């Protein structure tokens, strides 16, 4: 049976996207990491009280996202 028909093209496209997908995830992760390091450095230079506020806001955001995730899961 000839496998060079329409189905083979779809598999080739999916394979190409499968190879590109992880690369873009690495690029996005690297950009997020750089921005995170720069923002933490800037925040640390501003002083202790700003760091405490930032940590509390971050903890509240994490808890909020966790609650939303649990509520939307069901």
C-alpha atoms as a PDB file:
ATOM      1  CA  UNK A   1       0.000   0.000   0.000  1.00  0.00           C
ATOM      2  CA  UNK A   2       1.291   3.476  -0.861  1.00  0.00           C
ATOM      3  CA  UNK A   3       1.885   5.653   2.201  1.00  0.00           C
ATOM      4  CA  UNK A   4       2.732   8.860   0.353  1.00  0.00           C
ATOM      5  CA  UNK A   5      -0.868  10.107   0.383  1.00  0.00           C
ATOM      6  CA  UNK A   6      -2.556  12.763   2.476  1.00  0.00           C
ATOM      7  CA  UNK A   7      -2.015  10.922   5.781  1.00  0.00           C
ATOM      8  CA  UNK A   8       1.761  10.949   5.387  1.00  0.00           C
ATOM      9  CA  UNK A   9       1.755  14.732   5.047  1.00  0.00           C
ATOM     10  CA  UNK A  10      -0.194  15.098   8.292  1.00  0.00           C
ATOM     11  CA  UNK A  11       2.273  12.876  10.134  1.00  0.00           C
ATOM     12  CA  UNK A  12       5.202  14.904   8.774  1.00  0.00           C
ATOM     13  CA  UNK A  13       3.623  18.154   9.963  1.00  0.00           C
ATOM     14  CA  UNK A  14       2.989  16.710  13.408  1.00  0.00           C
ATOM     15  CA  UNK A  15       6.566  15.446  13.611  1.00  0.00           C
ATOM     16  CA  UNK A  16       7.928  18.876  12.696  1.00  0.00           C
ATOM     17  CA  UNK A  17       5.767  20.590  15.292  1.00  0.00           C
ATOM     18  CA  UNK A  18       6.845  17.946  17.813  1.00  0.00           C
ATOM     19  CA  UNK A  19      10.475  18.894  17.236  1.00  0.00           C
ATOM     20  CA  UNK A  20       9.855  22.642  17.353  1.00  0.00           C
ATOM     21  CA  UNK A  21       7.565  22.567  20.403  1.00  0.00           C
ATOM     22  CA  UNK A  22      10.143  21.690  23.073  1.00  0.00           C
ATOM     23  CA  UNK A  23      12.573  24.280  21.634  1.00  0.00           C
ATOM     24  CA  UNK A  24      10.048  27.087  22.104  1.00  0.00           C
ATOM     25  CA  UNK A  25       9.300  25.882  25.620  1.00  0.00           C
ATOM     26  CA  UNK A  26      13.010  26.168  26.444  1.00  0.00           C
ATOM     27  CA  UNK A  27      13.174  29.676  24.935  1.00  0.00           C
ATOM     28  CA  UNK A  28      10.114  30.841  26.867  1.00  0.00           C
ATOM     29  CA  UNK A  29      11.475  29.292  30.079  1.00  0.00           C
ATOM     30  CA  UNK A  30      14.846  31.027  29.594  1.00  0.00           C
ATOM     31  CA  UNK A  31      13.184  34.414  29.049  1.00  0.00           C
ATOM     32  CA  UNK A  32      11.012  33.955  32.146  1.00  0.00           C
ATOM     33  CA  UNK A  33      14.081  32.968  34.179  1.00  0.00           C
ATOM     34  CA  UNK A  34      16.058  36.042  33.053  1.00  0.00           C
ATOM     35  CA  UNK A  35      13.161  38.376  33.865  1.00  0.00           C
ATOM     36  CA  UNK A  36      12.688  36.699  37.245  1.00  0.00           C
ATOM     37  CA  UNK A  37      16.377  37.067  38.172  1.00  0.00           C
ATOM     38  CA  UNK A  38      16.430  40.737  37.106  1.00  0.00           C
ATOM     39  CA  UNK A  39      13.246  41.558  39.010  1.00  0.00           C
ATOM     40  CA  UNK A  40      14.402  39.795  42.177  1.00  0.00           C
ATOM     41  CA  UNK A  41      17.698  41.686  42.019  1.00  0.00           C
ATOM     42  CA  UNK A  42      15.907  45.007  41.648  1.00  0.00           C
ATOM     43  CA  UNK A  43      13.504  44.156  44.452  1.00  0.00           C
ATOM     44  CA  UNK A  44      16.366  43.135  46.761  1.00  0.00           C
ATOM     45  CA  UNK A  45      18.072  46.495  46.187  1.00  0.00           C
ATOM     46  CA  UNK A  46      14.895  48.309  47.287  1.00  0.00           C
ATOM     47  CA  UNK A  47      15.074  46.940  50.801  1.00  0.00           C
ATOM     48  CA  UNK A  48      13.683  44.484  53.288  1.00  0.00           C
ATOM     49  CA  UNK A  49      10.145  45.855  53.626  1.00  0.00           C
ATOM     50  CA  UNK A  50       9.560  45.641  49.857  1.00  0.00           C
ATOM     51  CA  UNK A  51      10.854  42.059  49.844  1.00  0.00           C
ATOM     52  CA  UNK A  52       8.443  41.092  52.637  1.00  0.00           C
ATOM     53  CA  UNK A  53       5.512  42.656  50.784  1.00  0.00           C
ATOM     54  CA  UNK A  54       6.534  40.958  47.543  1.00  0.00           C
ATOM     55  CA  UNK A  55       6.790  37.569  49.259  1.00  0.00           C
ATOM     56  CA  UNK A  56       3.344  37.978  50.823  1.00  0.00           C
ATOM     57  CA  UNK A  57       1.805  38.996  47.490  1.00  0.00           C
ATOM     58  CA  UNK A  58       3.511  36.062  45.751  1.00  0.00           C
ATOM     59  CA  UNK A  59       2.324  33.608  48.407  1.00  0.00           C
ATOM     60  CA  UNK A  60      -1.235  34.938  48.113  1.00  0.00           C
ATOM     61  CA  UNK A  61      -1.103  34.592  44.311  1.00  0.00           C
ATOM     62  CA  UNK A  62       0.150  31.006  44.543  1.00  0.00           C
ATOM     63  CA  UNK A  63      -2.544  30.095  47.056  1.00  0.00           C
ATOM     64  CA  UNK A  64      -5.183  31.784  44.896  1.00  0.00           C
ATOM     65  CA  UNK A  65      -4.115  29.932  41.749  1.00  0.00           C
ATOM     66  CA  UNK A  66      -4.096  26.652  43.689  1.00  0.00           C
ATOM     67  CA  UNK A  67      -7.628  27.251  44.969  1.00  0.00           C
ATOM     68  CA  UNK A  68      -8.870  28.215  41.497  1.00  0.00           C
ATOM     69  CA  UNK A  69      -7.235  25.120  40.052  1.00  0.00           C
ATOM     70  CA  UNK A  70      -8.887  22.856  42.607  1.00  0.00           C
ATOM     71  CA  UNK A  71     -12.294  24.485  42.093  1.00  0.00           C
ATOM     72  CA  UNK A  72     -12.117  24.252  38.295  1.00  0.00           C
ATOM     73  CA  UNK A  73     -10.778  20.689  38.331  1.00  0.00           C
ATOM     74  CA  UNK A  74     -14.120  19.064  39.064  1.00  0.00           C
END
